[in-house]
Amino acid sequence: MNQETTQFKALQKDRVLAQKSRTPQRIRCHVGRLWVTQDGDPRDVVLEAGQQFVTDRTGELLISALVPSLLTVEGLGPDRGGGQRAVPSHPGRAREADRIGA
């Protein structure tokens, strides 16, 4: 992980991390379960502990903790695989969730 562009975060259940990004972001779930959604993308992604996801667009990014969670967010430049979808750390375990109505 690049220490200059990585943010370590602890989120309590039902807390949301919102940020705007100009570059793709790698989100890693170290502990817990996260719900990730991107502005303009109809898909939602749920990450379990040990999984990661790379955003494929810029703009608003929302990361919600479904349970108490620990995560890292790493900004990716164009020379670091930006714009490419990452495979979960444990293939087959990441799942796209139906959009949850509030």
C-alpha atoms as a PDB file:
ATOM      1  CA  MET A   1       0.000   0.000   0.000  1.00  0.00           C
ATOM      2  CA  ASN A   2       1.177   3.503  -0.762  1.00  0.00           C
ATOM      3  CA  GLN A   3       1.319   5.298   2.592  1.00  0.00           C
ATOM      4  CA  GLU A   4       0.961   8.719   0.923  1.00  0.00           C
ATOM      5  CA  THR A   5      -2.438   7.990  -0.614  1.00  0.00           C
ATOM      6  CA  THR A   6      -3.857   5.370   1.798  1.00  0.00           C
ATOM      7  CA  GLN A   7      -6.390   6.274   4.466  1.00  0.00           C
ATOM      8  CA  PHE A   8      -7.054   3.913   7.378  1.00  0.00           C
ATOM      9  CA  LYS A   9     -10.597   4.178   8.740  1.00  0.00           C
ATOM     10  CA  ALA A  10     -12.678   2.550  11.439  1.00  0.00           C
ATOM     11  CA  LEU A  11     -16.420   2.798  10.880  1.00  0.00           C
ATOM     12  CA  GLN A  12     -19.083   1.891  13.406  1.00  0.00           C
ATOM     13  CA  LYS A  13     -22.235   0.124  12.237  1.00  0.00           C
ATOM     14  CA  ASP A  14     -24.464   2.333  10.039  1.00  0.00           C
ATOM     15  CA  ARG A  15     -21.764   5.033   9.659  1.00  0.00           C
ATOM     16  CA  VAL A  16     -20.967   6.281   6.155  1.00  0.00           C
ATOM     17  CA  LEU A  17     -17.701   7.501   4.671  1.00  0.00           C
ATOM     18  CA  ALA A  18     -18.438   9.857   1.760  1.00  0.00           C
ATOM     19  CA  GLN A  19     -15.756  11.287  -0.495  1.00  0.00           C
ATOM     20  CA  LYS A  20     -15.277  12.637  -3.985  1.00  0.00           C
ATOM     21  CA  SER A  21     -12.468  11.136  -5.980  1.00  0.00           C
ATOM     22  CA  ARG A  22     -10.684  12.218  -9.136  1.00  0.00           C
ATOM     23  CA  THR A  23      -8.863   8.909  -9.484  1.00  0.00           C
ATOM     24  CA  PRO A  24      -9.947   5.294  -9.018  1.00  0.00           C
ATOM     25  CA  GLN A  25      -9.873   4.089  -5.412  1.00  0.00           C
ATOM     26  CA  ARG A  26      -8.958   0.693  -3.943  1.00  0.00           C
ATOM     27  CA  ILE A  27     -11.161  -0.127  -0.953  1.00  0.00           C
ATOM     28  CA  ARG A  28      -9.995  -2.957   1.312  1.00  0.00           C
ATOM     29  CA  CYS A  29     -12.184  -4.390   4.056  1.00  0.00           C
ATOM     30  CA  HIS A  30      -9.907  -5.651   6.831  1.00  0.00           C
ATOM     31  CA  VAL A  31     -12.594  -6.339   9.438  1.00  0.00           C
ATOM     32  CA  GLY A  32     -16.375  -6.334   9.187  1.00  0.00           C
ATOM     33  CA  ARG A  33     -18.651  -5.867   6.163  1.00  0.00           C
ATOM     34  CA  LEU A  34     -18.921  -2.817   3.898  1.00  0.00           C
ATOM     35  CA  TRP A  35     -21.476  -1.633   1.362  1.00  0.00           C
ATOM     36  CA  VAL A  36     -19.847   0.382  -1.469  1.00  0.00           C
ATOM     37  CA  THR A  37     -21.733   2.500  -3.987  1.00  0.00           C
ATOM     38  CA  GLN A  38     -20.541   4.967  -6.627  1.00  0.00           C
ATOM     39  CA  ASP A  39     -22.376   7.958  -8.060  1.00  0.00           C
ATOM     40  CA  GLY A  40     -24.031   7.058 -11.354  1.00  0.00           C
ATOM     41  CA  ASP A  41     -23.428   3.311 -10.992  1.00  0.00           C
ATOM     42  CA  PRO A  42     -26.526   1.128 -10.546  1.00  0.00           C
ATOM     43  CA  ARG A  43     -24.412  -1.628  -8.963  1.00  0.00           C
ATOM     44  CA  ASP A  44     -23.613  -1.880  -5.284  1.00  0.00           C
ATOM     45  CA  VAL A  45     -20.819  -4.030  -3.873  1.00  0.00           C
ATOM     46  CA  VAL A  46     -20.678  -5.709  -0.465  1.00  0.00           C
ATOM     47  CA  LEU A  47     -17.188  -6.513   0.824  1.00  0.00           C
ATOM     48  CA  GLU A  48     -16.446  -9.008   3.579  1.00  0.00           C
ATOM     49  CA  ALA A  49     -13.253  -9.010   5.659  1.00  0.00           C
ATOM     50  CA  GLY A  50     -10.247  -9.780   3.443  1.00  0.00           C
ATOM     51  CA  GLN A  51     -11.846  -8.542   0.213  1.00  0.00           C
ATOM     52  CA  GLN A  52     -11.073  -5.505  -1.913  1.00  0.00           C
ATOM     53  CA  PHE A  53     -12.694  -3.530  -4.714  1.00  0.00           C
ATOM     54  CA  VAL A  54     -11.332  -0.940  -7.164  1.00  0.00           C
ATOM     55  CA  THR A  55     -13.748   1.723  -8.350  1.00  0.00           C
ATOM     56  CA  ASP A  56     -14.084   2.099 -12.087  1.00  0.00           C
ATOM     57  CA  ARG A  57     -15.242   5.707 -12.155  1.00  0.00           C
ATOM     58  CA  THR A  58     -14.548   9.011 -10.461  1.00  0.00           C
ATOM     59  CA  GLY A  59     -16.967  11.165  -8.479  1.00  0.00           C
ATOM     60  CA  GLU A  60     -18.864  10.559  -5.256  1.00  0.00           C
ATOM     61  CA  LEU A  61     -18.104   7.348  -3.396  1.00  0.00           C
ATOM     62  CA  LEU A  62     -20.112   6.109  -0.401  1.00  0.00           C
ATOM     63  CA  ILE A  63     -18.829   3.383   1.907  1.00  0.00           C
ATOM     64  CA  SER A  64     -21.258   2.196   4.595  1.00  0.00           C
ATOM     65  CA  ALA A  65     -20.440  -0.109   7.503  1.00  0.00           C
ATOM     66  CA  LEU A  66     -23.000  -2.896   7.804  1.00  0.00           C
ATOM     67  CA  VAL A  67     -21.241  -3.983  11.019  1.00  0.00           C
ATOM     68  CA  PRO A  68     -18.301  -2.357  12.863  1.00  0.00           C
ATOM     69  CA  SER A  69     -15.537  -2.340  10.242  1.00  0.00           C
ATOM     70  CA  LEU A  70     -11.926  -1.440   9.556  1.00  0.00           C
ATOM     71  CA  LEU A  71     -10.962  -0.412   6.031  1.00  0.00           C
ATOM     72  CA  THR A  72      -8.349   1.274   3.921  1.00  0.00           C
ATOM     73  CA  VAL A  73      -8.933   3.531   0.939  1.00  0.00           C
ATOM     74  CA  GLU A  74      -6.036   3.928  -1.473  1.00  0.00           C
ATOM     75  CA  GLY A  75      -6.031   6.433  -4.322  1.00  0.00           C
ATOM     76  CA  LEU A  76      -4.716   4.965  -7.570  1.00  0.00           C
ATOM     77  CA  GLY A  77      -3.002   7.032 -10.211  1.00  0.00           C
ATOM     78  CA  PRO A  78      -3.225   6.247 -13.922  1.00  0.00           C
ATOM     79  CA  ASP A  79       0.085   4.352 -13.790  1.00  0.00           C
ATOM     80  CA  ARG A  80      -1.091   2.063 -10.968  1.00  0.00           C
ATOM     81  CA  GLY A  81      -3.899   0.159 -12.643  1.00  0.00           C
ATOM     82  CA  GLY A  82      -6.483   2.881 -12.321  1.00  0.00           C
ATOM     83  CA  GLY A  83      -9.767   2.200 -14.019  1.00  0.00           C
ATOM     84  CA  GLN A  84      -9.387  -1.566 -13.898  1.00  0.00           C
ATOM     85  CA  ARG A  85     -11.728  -3.676 -11.812  1.00  0.00           C
ATOM     86  CA  ALA A  86      -9.910  -5.596  -9.094  1.00  0.00           C
ATOM     87  CA  VAL A  87     -10.643  -9.196  -8.247  1.00  0.00           C
ATOM     88  CA  PRO A  88     -11.710  -9.756  -4.626  1.00  0.00           C
ATOM     89  CA  SER A  89      -8.961 -11.003  -2.331  1.00  0.00           C
ATOM     90  CA  HIS A  90     -11.069 -14.153  -1.942  1.00  0.00           C
ATOM     91  CA  PRO A  91     -12.498 -14.754  -5.440  1.00  0.00           C
ATOM     92  CA  GLY A  92     -16.174 -15.519  -5.462  1.00  0.00           C
ATOM     93  CA  ARG A  93     -16.897 -14.026  -2.049  1.00  0.00           C
ATOM     94  CA  ALA A  94     -17.639 -10.427  -3.045  1.00  0.00           C
ATOM     95  CA  ARG A  95     -21.229 -10.024  -4.122  1.00  0.00           C
ATOM     96  CA  GLU A  96     -23.197  -7.256  -5.691  1.00  0.00           C
ATOM     97  CA  ALA A  97     -26.137  -6.352  -3.491  1.00  0.00           C
ATOM     98  CA  ASP A  98     -29.506  -5.125  -4.526  1.00  0.00           C
ATOM     99  CA  ARG A  99     -29.878  -1.412  -3.873  1.00  0.00           C
ATOM    100  CA  ILE A 100     -31.220  -1.112  -0.347  1.00  0.00           C
ATOM    101  CA  GLY A 101     -34.200   1.235  -0.051  1.00  0.00           C
ATOM    102  CA  ALA A 102     -33.834   3.562   2.916  1.00  0.00           C
END
